[in-house]
Protein backbone atom coordinates (compact mmCIF):
# COMPACT_ATOMS: atom_id res chain seq x y z
CA MET A 1 0.00 0.00 0.00
CA THR A 2 1.24 3.51 -0.76
CA ARG A 3 3.10 5.10 2.11
CA PRO A 4 1.73 8.59 2.66
CA VAL A 5 3.66 11.70 3.55
CA ARG A 6 5.09 11.33 7.02
CA HIS A 7 4.30 13.94 9.64
CA TYR A 8 7.34 13.98 11.91
CA ALA A 9 5.97 15.82 14.93
CA GLY A 10 4.07 13.17 16.86
CA ALA A 11 1.01 13.69 19.00
CA ASP A 12 3.11 13.95 22.13
CA ALA A 13 5.65 16.37 20.64
CA PRO A 14 6.10 19.83 22.20
CA VAL A 15 3.80 22.52 20.83
CA ARG A 16 5.48 24.24 17.88
CA ALA A 17 5.51 27.98 17.35
CA ASP A 18 3.46 27.63 14.17
CA SER A 19 0.88 25.24 15.64
CA PRO A 20 -2.69 26.37 16.45
CA VAL A 21 -1.86 26.59 20.18
CA ARG A 22 1.19 28.66 21.10
CA ALA A 23 3.15 27.76 24.20
CA ASP A 24 3.43 31.42 25.24
CA SER A 25 -0.25 32.34 25.00
CA PRO A 26 -3.35 31.43 27.02
CA VAL A 27 -5.45 28.54 25.75
CA ARG A 28 -8.80 29.99 24.76
CA GLN A 29 -11.83 27.94 23.77
CA GLU A 30 -11.18 28.35 20.04
CA SER A 31 -7.50 27.50 20.46
CA LEU A 32 -8.39 24.42 22.48
CA ARG A 33 -10.80 23.29 19.78
CA ALA A 34 -8.13 23.74 17.08
CA HIS A 35 -5.58 21.89 19.19
CA ASN A 36 -7.88 18.92 19.78
CA LEU A 37 -8.86 18.77 16.14
CA ALA A 38 -5.20 18.74 15.08
CA LEU A 39 -4.44 16.10 17.70
CA ALA A 40 -7.13 13.77 16.38
CA PHE A 41 -6.21 14.45 12.75
CA ARG A 42 -2.53 13.63 13.38
CA GLN A 43 -3.56 10.23 14.71
CA ILE A 44 -5.39 9.50 11.47
CA VAL A 45 -2.38 10.72 9.46
CA ALA A 46 -0.05 8.52 11.51
CA CYS A 47 -2.03 5.40 10.59
CA GLY A 48 -0.56 5.58 7.09
CA GLY A 49 -3.67 4.45 5.25
CA ARG A 50 -4.83 1.91 7.84
CA PRO A 51 -8.43 2.63 8.89
CA ILE A 52 -8.88 3.74 12.50
CA SER A 53 -12.22 3.73 14.33
CA ARG A 54 -13.71 6.54 16.38
CA ILE A 55 -13.29 4.48 19.55
CA GLU A 56 -9.60 3.88 18.82
CA LEU A 57 -9.20 7.58 18.13
CA ALA A 58 -10.69 8.46 21.52
CA ASP A 59 -8.44 5.93 23.28
CA GLN A 60 -5.27 7.17 21.56
CA THR A 61 -5.92 10.89 22.02
CA GLY A 62 -7.50 10.77 25.51
CA LEU A 63 -10.41 12.88 24.24
CA THR A 64 -13.98 12.01 25.17
CA ARG A 65 -16.12 10.12 22.68
CA PRO A 66 -18.56 13.03 22.22
CA THR A 67 -15.60 15.30 21.42
CA ILE A 68 -14.25 12.76 18.94
CA THR A 69 -17.68 12.47 17.33
CA ARG A 70 -17.81 16.23 16.84
CA ILE A 71 -14.26 16.38 15.48
CA VAL A 72 -14.82 13.49 13.08
CA ASP A 73 -18.01 15.07 11.76
CA GLU A 74 -16.13 18.31 11.15
CA LEU A 75 -13.28 16.51 9.35
CA LEU A 76 -15.73 14.54 7.23
CA THR A 77 -17.63 17.69 6.27
CA GLY A 78 -14.36 19.41 5.33
CA ARG A 79 -13.35 16.37 3.23
CA LEU A 80 -10.11 15.86 5.13
CA ILE A 81 -11.07 12.29 6.02
CA ALA A 82 -13.44 9.64 4.68
CA GLU A 83 -15.12 6.55 6.04
CA SER A 84 -13.61 3.36 4.67
CA GLY A 85 -15.03 -0.03 5.49
CA THR A 86 -14.61 -1.45 8.98
CA THR A 87 -11.64 -1.88 11.30
CA PRO A 88 -10.55 -5.29 12.65
CA TYR A 89 -12.56 -5.89 15.82
CA ARG A 90 -13.57 -9.15 17.54
CA GLY A 91 -15.57 -7.77 20.45
CA PRO A 92 -19.34 -7.52 20.84
CA GLY A 93 -21.48 -4.96 19.10
CA ARG A 94 -21.58 -3.57 15.59
CA PRO A 95 -18.47 -3.47 13.35
CA ARG A 96 -16.48 -0.29 13.78
CA VAL A 97 -16.40 2.05 10.80
CA GLY A 98 -12.85 2.98 9.76
CA LEU A 99 -11.55 6.49 9.07
CA VAL A 100 -8.81 7.29 6.53
CA LEU A 101 -7.40 10.38 4.84
CA SER A 102 -9.58 11.60 1.99
CA ARG A 103 -8.52 11.31 -1.64
CA GLN A 104 -10.77 14.27 -2.44
CA GLY A 105 -10.52 17.74 -1.00
CA PRO A 106 -7.17 19.52 -0.55
CA ALA A 107 -4.26 18.95 -2.94
CA GLY A 108 -0.88 20.55 -3.51
CA LEU A 109 0.46 21.66 -6.91
CA GLY A 110 4.21 21.80 -7.48
CA LEU A 111 6.07 23.31 -10.45
CA ASP A 112 9.73 22.94 -11.38
CA ILE A 113 12.13 24.55 -13.88
CA ARG A 114 14.74 22.27 -15.43
CA ALA A 115 17.39 22.65 -18.09
CA ASP A 116 15.09 21.92 -21.03
CA LEU A 117 11.72 21.18 -19.42
CA VAL A 118 9.21 22.48 -16.93
CA ALA A 119 7.31 20.03 -14.74
CA ALA A 120 4.06 19.96 -12.76
CA CYS A 121 2.96 17.60 -10.00
CA LEU A 122 -0.38 17.27 -8.21
CA VAL A 123 -0.44 15.48 -4.82
CA ASP A 124 -3.51 14.65 -2.74
CA LEU A 125 -3.79 14.54 1.05
CA THR A 126 -2.74 10.87 1.21
CA GLY A 127 0.65 11.75 -0.32
CA THR A 128 -0.19 10.09 -3.64
CA VAL A 129 0.88 11.82 -6.85
CA ARG A 130 -2.26 12.19 -8.95
CA HIS A 131 -0.70 13.95 -11.92
CA LEU A 132 2.90 14.37 -13.14
CA ALA A 133 3.51 16.14 -16.44
CA PHE A 134 6.31 17.80 -18.39
CA ARG A 135 6.58 20.37 -21.16
CA PRO A 136 9.46 21.76 -23.25
CA ARG A 137 10.74 24.86 -21.53
CA GLY A 138 11.78 27.18 -24.36
CA PRO A 139 13.83 30.34 -23.68
CA VAL A 140 13.98 31.75 -20.17
CA SER A 141 11.69 34.63 -21.16
CA GLU A 142 8.90 32.09 -21.82
CA VAL A 143 9.31 30.02 -18.64
CA ILE A 144 6.42 31.63 -16.75
CA ASP A 145 4.04 31.07 -19.66
CA ALA A 146 5.10 27.42 -19.95
CA LEU A 147 4.55 26.95 -16.21
CA GLY A 148 1.16 28.60 -16.51
CA VAL A 149 0.10 26.11 -19.18
CA LEU A 150 1.14 23.15 -17.03
CA ALA A 151 -0.54 24.64 -13.96
CA ALA A 152 -3.79 25.12 -15.89
CA GLU A 153 -3.71 21.49 -17.03
CA ALA A 154 -3.03 20.30 -13.48
CA MET A 155 -5.85 22.37 -12.01
CA ALA A 156 -8.22 20.94 -14.62
CA VAL A 157 -7.15 17.46 -13.53
CA ALA A 158 -7.72 18.49 -9.90
CA ALA A 159 -11.21 19.78 -10.63
CA ALA A 160 -12.11 16.57 -12.51
CA ALA A 161 -10.90 14.50 -9.55
CA ASP A 162 -12.84 16.60 -7.01
CA LEU A 163 -9.64 18.09 -5.59
CA ARG A 164 -9.00 21.69 -4.60
CA VAL A 165 -5.45 23.06 -4.86
CA VAL A 166 -4.35 24.53 -1.53
CA ARG A 167 -1.30 26.31 -2.94
CA VAL A 168 0.95 26.37 -5.99
CA THR A 169 4.66 26.12 -5.14
CA LEU A 170 7.38 26.81 -7.70
CA ALA A 171 10.84 25.25 -7.26
CA VAL A 172 13.64 27.49 -8.53
CA PRO A 173 17.43 27.00 -8.62
CA GLY A 174 18.39 30.03 -6.55
CA ALA A 175 18.03 32.06 -3.37
CA VAL A 176 14.45 33.01 -2.49
CA SER A 177 13.11 35.65 -0.08
CA GLU A 178 9.63 36.21 1.32
CA GLY A 179 8.35 33.04 -0.32
CA SER A 180 8.19 34.77 -3.73
CA LEU A 181 11.19 36.93 -4.63
CA VAL A 182 14.08 35.19 -6.43
CA ARG A 183 17.14 37.11 -5.30
CA PHE A 184 19.56 35.41 -7.69
CA ALA A 185 19.31 32.37 -9.94
CA PRO A 186 22.53 32.45 -11.99
CA LEU A 187 21.62 29.71 -14.45
CA LEU A 188 18.33 31.45 -15.27
CA GLY A 189 19.87 34.91 -15.37
CA TRP A 190 17.32 36.07 -12.77
CA ARG A 191 18.05 38.83 -10.26
CA GLU A 192 15.35 40.30 -8.01
CA ILE A 193 12.61 38.57 -9.99
CA ASP A 194 9.29 38.29 -8.18
CA ALA A 195 8.50 34.87 -9.65
CA GLY A 196 5.56 34.32 -7.31
CA ALA A 197 3.80 37.50 -8.45
CA LEU A 198 4.52 36.70 -12.10
CA LEU A 199 3.12 33.21 -11.86
CA SER A 200 0.10 34.38 -9.88
CA ALA A 201 -0.59 36.97 -12.57
CA ARG A 202 -0.29 34.30 -15.26
CA LEU A 203 -2.89 32.18 -13.45
CA SER A 204 -5.22 35.07 -12.62
CA PRO A 205 -8.45 35.76 -14.52
CA GLN A 206 -7.74 39.48 -14.03
CA PRO A 207 -4.92 41.30 -15.81
CA PHE A 208 -1.78 41.86 -13.77
CA VAL A 209 -1.42 45.38 -12.37
CA GLY A 210 2.04 46.41 -11.30
CA THR A 211 5.42 47.70 -12.35
CA THR A 212 6.97 45.78 -15.23
CA VAL A 213 10.49 46.36 -16.47
CA ARG A 214 12.98 44.35 -18.46
CA ALA A 215 15.33 42.22 -16.40
CA PRO A 216 18.97 43.22 -16.66
CA ASP A 217 20.72 41.45 -19.49
CA PRO A 218 23.28 38.90 -18.26
CA PRO A 219 26.78 39.26 -19.66
CA ALA A 220 27.03 38.15 -23.27
CA GLY A 221 29.22 35.28 -24.31
CA PRO A 222 29.96 31.86 -22.87
CA THR A 223 29.68 31.14 -19.18
CA ALA A 224 32.05 28.96 -17.20
CA ALA A 225 30.08 25.94 -18.33
CA GLY A 226 30.55 26.75 -21.98
CA THR A 227 26.93 27.79 -22.48
CA THR A 228 25.18 31.11 -22.90
CA VAL A 229 22.36 32.45 -20.78
CA ASP A 230 19.66 34.36 -22.61
CA ALA A 231 18.31 37.64 -21.32
CA PRO A 232 14.83 37.07 -19.93
CA GLU A 233 12.16 39.67 -20.52
CA LEU A 234 10.61 39.27 -17.10
CA PRO A 235 9.20 41.80 -14.67
CA VAL A 236 11.17 42.48 -11.53
CA ARG A 237 9.80 43.63 -8.19
CA SER A 238 9.09 47.36 -8.17
CA SER A 239 11.52 49.37 -6.18
CA ALA A 240 8.67 51.24 -4.39
CA ALA A 241 0.92 18.50 -22.21
CA GLU A 242 -0.80 15.79 -21.92
CA THR A 243 -1.30 13.80 -18.78
CA THR A 244 -2.54 10.48 -17.52
CA VAL A 245 -4.74 10.43 -14.45
CA ASP A 246 -5.16 7.57 -12.17
CA ALA A 247 -6.66 5.73 -9.80
CA PRO A 248 -5.09 2.38 -9.65
CA GLU A 249 -4.89 0.62 -6.34
CA LEU A 250 -1.12 0.23 -6.72
CA PRO A 251 0.49 3.43 -8.00
CA ALA A 252 3.95 3.37 -9.56
CA ARG A 253 7.06 5.07 -8.25
CA PRO A 254 7.28 8.65 -9.45
CA THR A 255 9.13 8.57 -12.74
CA ALA A 256 9.93 11.13 -15.35
CA ALA A 257 8.83 11.17 -18.95
CA GLY A 258 9.72 8.17 -21.02
CA THR A 259 10.58 5.84 -18.14
CA THR A 260 9.00 2.46 -17.64
CA VAL A 261 9.16 0.34 -14.51
CA ASP A 262 10.14 -3.30 -14.88
CA ALA A 263 8.69 -6.23 -13.01
CA ALA A 264 11.37 -6.03 -10.35
CA GLY A 265 10.34 -2.49 -9.50
CA LEU A 266 13.55 -0.96 -10.89
CA PRO A 267 13.33 1.75 -13.55
CA ALA A 268 14.48 0.78 -17.01
CA ARG A 269 16.47 3.08 -19.29
CA PRO A 270 14.48 6.01 -20.70
CA ARG A 271 12.62 5.09 -23.88
CA GLY A 272 11.71 8.53 -25.16
CA ALA A 273 9.10 11.16 -24.58
CA GLY A 274 5.49 10.20 -24.59
CA SER A 275 5.52 6.84 -22.87
CA THR A 276 3.92 6.29 -19.50
CA ALA A 277 5.16 4.77 -16.27
CA ALA A 278 3.71 1.34 -15.65
CA ALA A 279 2.33 0.51 -12.23
CA GLN A 280 4.04 -2.59 -10.90
CA GLY A 281 3.19 -2.48 -7.23
CA PRO A 282 3.44 -0.32 -4.17
CA LEU A 283 6.78 1.29 -3.45
CA ALA A 284 7.93 3.42 -0.53
CA GLY A 285 7.36 7.13 -0.62
CA PRO A 286 4.99 9.36 -2.56
CA THR A 287 3.93 7.63 -5.77
CA ALA A 288 2.85 8.62 -9.22
CA VAL A 289 0.07 7.13 -11.28
CA GLY A 290 1.69 7.89 -14.60
CA SER A 291 3.30 10.64 -16.62
CA ARG A 292 3.61 11.79 -20.17
CA VAL A 293 5.44 14.62 -21.84
CA ALA A 294 3.16 17.19 -23.42
CA ASP A 295 4.80 18.06 -26.71
CA ASP A 296 2.20 20.57 -27.86
CA GLY A 297 3.85 23.94 -27.43
CA SER A 298 0.67 25.97 -27.77
CA ALA A 299 -0.71 27.92 -24.82
CA PRO A 300 -4.40 28.25 -24.05
CA PRO A 301 -5.83 31.65 -24.97
CA GLY A 302 -6.36 34.23 -22.28
CA PRO A 303 -5.51 34.14 -18.59
CA ILE A 304 -5.75 30.96 -16.58
CA GLY A 305 -7.94 30.53 -13.53
CA TRP A 306 -9.82 27.93 -11.55
CA ALA A 307 -12.27 25.44 -12.97
CA GLY A 308 -15.25 24.07 -11.08
CA PRO A 309 -16.94 25.63 -8.04
CA HIS A 310 -13.97 27.90 -7.28
CA ALA A 311 -13.85 29.47 -10.76
CA GLY A 312 -12.55 33.01 -10.74
CA THR A 313 -10.17 32.51 -7.82
CA VAL A 314 -6.49 31.63 -7.88
CA PRO A 315 -4.75 29.55 -5.20
CA PRO A 316 -1.87 31.24 -3.38
CA VAL A 317 1.47 30.97 -5.17
CA GLY A 318 4.77 30.44 -3.36
CA VAL A 319 8.38 30.02 -4.43
CA ASP A 320 11.13 27.99 -2.77
CA ASN A 321 14.59 26.68 -3.48
CA GLU A 322 14.49 23.48 -5.54
CA ALA A 323 17.16 21.66 -3.51
CA ASN A 324 15.26 22.33 -0.28
CA LEU A 325 12.03 21.06 -1.81
CA ALA A 326 13.73 17.96 -3.18
CA ALA A 327 15.20 17.24 0.26
CA LEU A 328 11.73 17.57 1.78
CA ALA A 329 10.37 15.05 -0.73
CA GLU A 330 13.08 12.57 0.23
CA LEU A 331 12.35 13.25 3.90
CA TYR A 332 8.64 12.61 3.38
CA SER A 333 9.46 9.26 1.74
CA GLY A 334 10.47 8.15 5.23
CA GLU A 335 13.81 6.46 4.65
CA HIS A 336 16.18 8.97 6.30
CA ALA A 337 15.88 11.68 8.95
CA ASP A 338 19.48 13.00 8.73
CA PHE A 339 21.05 13.55 5.33
CA ALA A 340 22.36 16.03 2.79
CA TYR A 341 20.56 15.99 -0.55
CA VAL A 342 22.78 17.13 -3.43
CA SER A 343 20.75 18.43 -6.35
CA GLY A 344 22.22 17.99 -9.81
CA ALA A 345 19.60 20.03 -11.63
CA LEU A 346 19.67 23.31 -13.54
CA ASP A 347 21.94 24.61 -10.76
CA LEU A 348 23.83 22.73 -8.07
CA GLY A 349 22.43 22.98 -4.56
CA ALA A 350 22.00 21.05 -1.33
CA GLY A 351 19.14 20.46 1.06
CA ILE A 352 20.31 19.64 4.59
CA VAL A 353 18.00 17.66 6.89
CA LEU A 354 18.85 17.15 10.56
CA ASP A 355 16.64 15.28 13.01
CA GLY A 356 13.79 15.23 10.51
CA ARG A 357 13.83 18.99 9.89
CA LEU A 358 15.09 20.99 6.92
CA LEU A 359 17.94 23.36 7.81
CA ARG A 360 17.12 26.62 6.02
CA GLY A 361 19.41 29.13 7.71
CA ALA A 362 18.58 32.49 9.29
CA ARG A 363 17.28 34.02 6.04
CA GLY A 364 16.36 30.84 4.20
CA TRP A 365 19.37 30.86 1.88
CA SER A 366 21.31 27.85 3.14
CA GLY A 367 22.33 25.02 0.83
CA GLU A 368 24.02 26.96 -2.00
CA LEU A 369 26.57 24.15 -2.32
CA GLY A 370 27.31 24.91 -5.96
CA HIS A 371 28.83 28.24 -4.97
CA VAL A 372 31.11 26.90 -2.27
CA THR A 373 34.73 27.53 -3.26
CA VAL A 374 36.68 24.34 -3.96
CA TYR A 375 39.64 25.86 -5.87
CA PRO A 376 40.24 29.53 -4.91
CA ASP A 377 42.07 30.39 -8.13
CA GLY A 378 39.99 28.10 -10.30
CA ARG A 379 37.52 28.47 -13.13
CA PRO A 380 35.11 31.42 -13.33
CA CYS A 381 31.52 30.63 -12.34
CA ALA A 382 28.24 31.91 -13.78
CA CYS A 383 27.56 33.59 -10.41
CA GLY A 384 30.55 35.91 -10.95
CA ALA A 385 32.89 34.27 -8.43
CA GLN A 386 35.86 31.99 -9.10
CA GLY A 387 36.57 28.36 -8.25
CA CYS A 388 32.97 27.47 -7.31
CA LEU A 389 31.91 23.82 -7.16
CA HIS A 390 29.41 24.42 -9.96
CA ALA A 391 32.23 25.33 -12.35
CA TYR A 392 33.58 21.77 -11.95
CA ALA A 393 30.52 19.64 -11.23
CA GLY A 394 27.51 21.39 -12.74
CA LEU A 395 25.47 19.39 -15.23
CA ASP A 396 26.15 22.03 -17.88
CA VAL A 397 29.89 21.37 -17.45
CA LEU A 398 29.28 17.65 -17.91
CA ARG A 399 27.12 18.31 -20.97
CA ALA A 400 29.93 20.32 -22.51
CA ALA A 401 32.29 17.38 -21.90
CA ALA A 402 29.79 14.96 -23.44
CA SER A 403 29.51 17.09 -26.57
CA ARG A 404 33.30 16.80 -26.97
CA SER A 405 33.29 13.04 -26.35
CA GLY A 406 35.52 10.84 -28.46
CA PRO A 407 35.97 7.06 -28.73
CA PRO A 408 36.23 4.88 -25.58
CA ALA A 409 39.51 4.77 -23.72
CA ALA A 410 41.65 1.66 -24.21
CA GLY A 411 40.83 -1.06 -21.70
CA HIS A 412 37.60 0.66 -20.63
CA VAL A 413 35.37 -1.43 -18.38
CA ASP A 414 31.75 -0.43 -17.77
CA PRO A 415 30.99 0.42 -14.11
CA PRO A 416 28.41 -1.65 -12.24
CA ALA A 417 24.91 -0.75 -13.33
CA VAL A 418 22.80 1.17 -10.82
CA ASP A 419 19.35 0.77 -12.33
CA ALA A 420 17.66 2.51 -9.40
CA GLY A 421 19.61 5.66 -10.25
CA ARG A 422 18.47 5.73 -13.86
CA ALA A 423 14.88 6.78 -13.37
CA GLY A 424 13.91 10.03 -14.98
CA LEU A 425 14.67 12.09 -18.02
CA PRO A 426 17.71 11.45 -20.21
CA VAL A 427 20.53 13.79 -19.24
CA THR A 428 21.47 15.20 -22.62
CA ALA A 429 24.09 17.63 -23.81
CA PRO A 430 23.61 20.23 -26.54
CA GLY A 431 23.08 18.44 -29.83
CA GLY A 432 21.32 15.52 -28.16
CA VAL A 433 24.40 13.80 -26.71
CA ASP A 434 23.31 11.59 -23.81
CA LEU A 435 25.58 11.88 -20.77
CA LEU A 436 24.80 8.30 -19.80
CA ALA A 437 25.59 7.06 -23.29
CA ALA A 438 28.88 8.98 -23.34
CA ALA A 439 29.84 7.61 -19.92
CA ASP A 440 28.74 4.08 -20.81
CA ALA A 441 30.83 4.25 -23.98
CA GLY A 442 33.94 5.09 -21.98
CA SER A 443 34.62 8.44 -23.62
CA PRO A 444 37.91 9.76 -22.18
CA GLU A 445 36.55 13.33 -22.05
CA MET A 446 33.36 12.25 -20.31
CA LEU A 447 35.09 9.97 -17.80
CA ALA A 448 37.66 12.65 -16.97
CA ALA A 449 34.89 15.22 -16.45
CA LEU A 450 33.00 12.83 -14.15
CA GLU A 451 36.18 12.14 -12.15
CA THR A 452 36.80 15.88 -11.79
CA ALA A 453 33.17 16.48 -10.82
CA GLY A 454 33.19 13.68 -8.25
CA THR A 455 36.42 14.93 -6.71
CA ALA A 456 35.13 18.50 -6.45
CA LEU A 457 31.85 17.27 -4.98
CA GLY A 458 33.77 15.21 -2.42
CA ILE A 459 35.85 18.21 -1.35
CA ALA A 460 32.77 20.39 -0.84
CA LEU A 461 30.77 17.65 0.86
CA ALA A 462 33.60 16.84 3.26
CA GLY A 463 33.41 20.41 4.53
CA LEU A 464 29.65 20.11 4.87
CA VAL A 465 29.95 16.84 6.81
CA ASN A 466 32.55 18.34 9.15
CA LEU A 467 30.20 21.26 9.87
CA VAL A 468 26.80 19.62 10.28
CA ASP A 469 27.57 15.90 10.85
CA VAL A 470 25.28 14.09 8.42
CA GLY A 471 25.90 10.40 7.77
CA THR A 472 24.16 10.06 4.40
CA ILE A 473 24.67 11.88 1.10
CA LEU A 474 21.85 11.52 -1.42
CA LEU A 475 22.77 12.24 -5.04
CA GLY A 476 19.68 13.75 -6.65
CA GLY A 477 18.55 15.11 -9.99
CA GLY A 478 20.96 14.26 -12.79
CA TYR A 479 23.52 13.04 -10.26
CA ALA A 480 21.21 10.13 -9.42
CA LEU A 481 21.62 8.99 -13.02
CA LEU A 482 25.41 9.36 -12.91
CA ALA A 483 25.95 7.87 -9.45
CA SER A 484 27.91 4.89 -10.84
CA TRP A 485 30.72 7.23 -11.85
CA LEU A 486 30.46 9.93 -9.18
CA THR A 487 30.26 7.81 -6.03
CA ALA A 488 33.84 6.50 -5.93
CA PRO A 489 35.64 9.89 -6.20
CA ILE A 490 33.17 11.44 -3.74
CA GLU A 491 33.80 8.67 -1.21
CA ALA A 492 37.56 8.97 -1.71
CA GLU A 493 37.54 12.67 -0.82
CA LEU A 494 35.16 12.12 2.11
CA GLY A 495 37.51 9.45 3.44
CA ARG A 496 40.45 11.83 3.20
CA ARG A 497 38.80 15.00 4.50
CA ALA A 498 35.76 14.22 6.69
CA LEU A 499 36.97 13.51 10.23
CA SER A 500 33.99 11.35 11.19
CA SER A 501 34.59 8.99 8.25
CA ARG A 502 37.44 7.39 10.23
CA TRP A 503 35.03 5.74 12.67
CA ALA A 504 31.62 6.22 10.99
CA PRO A 505 31.58 5.65 7.20
CA ILE A 506 29.44 8.11 5.24
CA GLU A 507 26.90 6.54 2.90
CA VAL A 508 26.73 7.98 -0.62
CA ARG A 509 23.89 6.75 -2.83
CA PRO A 510 21.33 7.85 -5.45
CA ALA A 511 18.25 9.64 -4.15
CA GLN A 512 15.06 7.60 -4.21
CA LEU A 513 12.89 10.00 -6.24
CA GLY A 514 15.42 10.85 -8.94
CA PRO A 515 14.94 13.98 -11.04
CA ASP A 516 11.32 14.47 -9.91
CA ALA A 517 12.08 15.04 -6.22
CA ALA A 518 11.86 18.85 -6.37
CA VAL A 519 8.48 19.03 -8.11
CA ILE A 520 7.06 16.35 -5.79
CA GLY A 521 8.43 18.17 -2.75
CA ALA A 522 6.90 21.43 -3.99
CA ALA A 523 3.47 19.79 -4.13
CA LEU A 524 3.88 18.08 -0.77
CA THR A 525 4.67 21.28 1.14
CA SER A 526 1.08 22.48 0.73
CA ILE A 527 -0.26 19.16 1.97
CA GLU A 528 1.96 19.34 5.04
CA ASP A 529 0.48 22.76 5.83
CA VAL A 530 -3.01 21.21 5.94
CA ARG A 531 -1.81 18.29 8.04
CA ARG A 532 -0.13 20.59 10.51
CA ASP A 533 -3.08 22.96 10.86
CA PRO A 534 -6.33 21.39 9.63
CA SER A 535 -8.42 24.09 11.34
CA SER A 536 -7.11 26.76 8.97
CA TRP A 537 -8.13 24.66 5.99
CA LEU A 538 -11.58 24.02 7.41
CA THR A 539 -12.23 27.74 7.81
CA LYS A 540 -11.48 28.23 4.09
CA ALA A 541 -13.20 25.14 2.70
């Protein structure tokens, strides 16, 4: 059975500052009601899909049965839970009706910007991916429009499935402030771009009113990666596809376009855009019911808004760092509570999770691993600095090496296959050169670039391990596909430089969700908000 999103703060955990009842304020009647409702709801969430009866809920929470009856009625009316068969019970009396999380009602919508694609993911309250779609990205100046098209398709799917999107969250490869403003995303050429406002305007039935100016042109010519960044025509903050929808009993692991899942549950090599992921059985973590690339580049006419009973309104739009969101998705899958997620995506970042909580930093800008200096007098970086990790290990650097690839080196031996790391989109260089194909073929240029990238990653990660003491490194995004070549040099540098590796080996392995982790994490953040504070949702429903 699908494992839902895990809620890490248990029923007996201390009251958090963002919970309905604050530890430093008096408990009023309304606060007490919200607290008890959240307490009961967390117990249902913690069951992970197993039905729980009203009597069990009263026993586990310590609340009276009349209170539980009132709370359950409220949750049922708000479509946060549903009745589902009966629970196992051998005592006298009538069978006990089970309660589970609802597959209708609130849902989260995540969006993601990649090197050549944009992605959308719709997740329901159970943690199941109901929709996962991709679309060619086009130039940077058209990214918001492409995201708007995918968001419109996803919201139509939500309306058809009787779901209501709680929030739209966009994953971006850069530093984000105030949940909307992209301070700097070097690989997009964005500075001070209010991506949240732009996307909200694209989704709104009303025309956008505000200050619009052309974004500053990035420097012309090649970047450190050997590529050029186009100048986006995007507003900055004023200074004052086709999809498949589900509902199989056994969803498949989230996969990217063109990936099939074999009978063993391991992803096969990508087979090209347009194919769907086959459901082969339940797998750990949030799951997808299928995906397909939408290759129709046309946009729907006019502004995009809600369908169904909420027509004319737009869900709130937020923006967050893609590495942080990808780390949250891996955290929700339930396998690790302490790890560093390394994102090999459009940019290179890290999401750091300690004791089940994402480490964001004082201003929310932690995890910019790609701009940690590894060689002080080294290559120039797209961010304007010198010797950054990204200049040696970024996917654009590896693509440039793949495009220069020659014949295999003499005596080349293929590395051991890591099928689990091959889920997702092909990692291609300009001109359609597949990084995996170049590495598999033993190209000297490609293998040398991977060795350099792995060494640089190991140097940076050793410093991270010495600072924050994580025992697991998850290679995500494109790095999950290249883990067979990157792992050995990373482990070698960790062994040399990370003090704790002398008595506690550091595990380095591909991330479970592959290239789709960020867009899944973006969708799941909205669902976690509802799980944490169901009362707020009920007041809006």
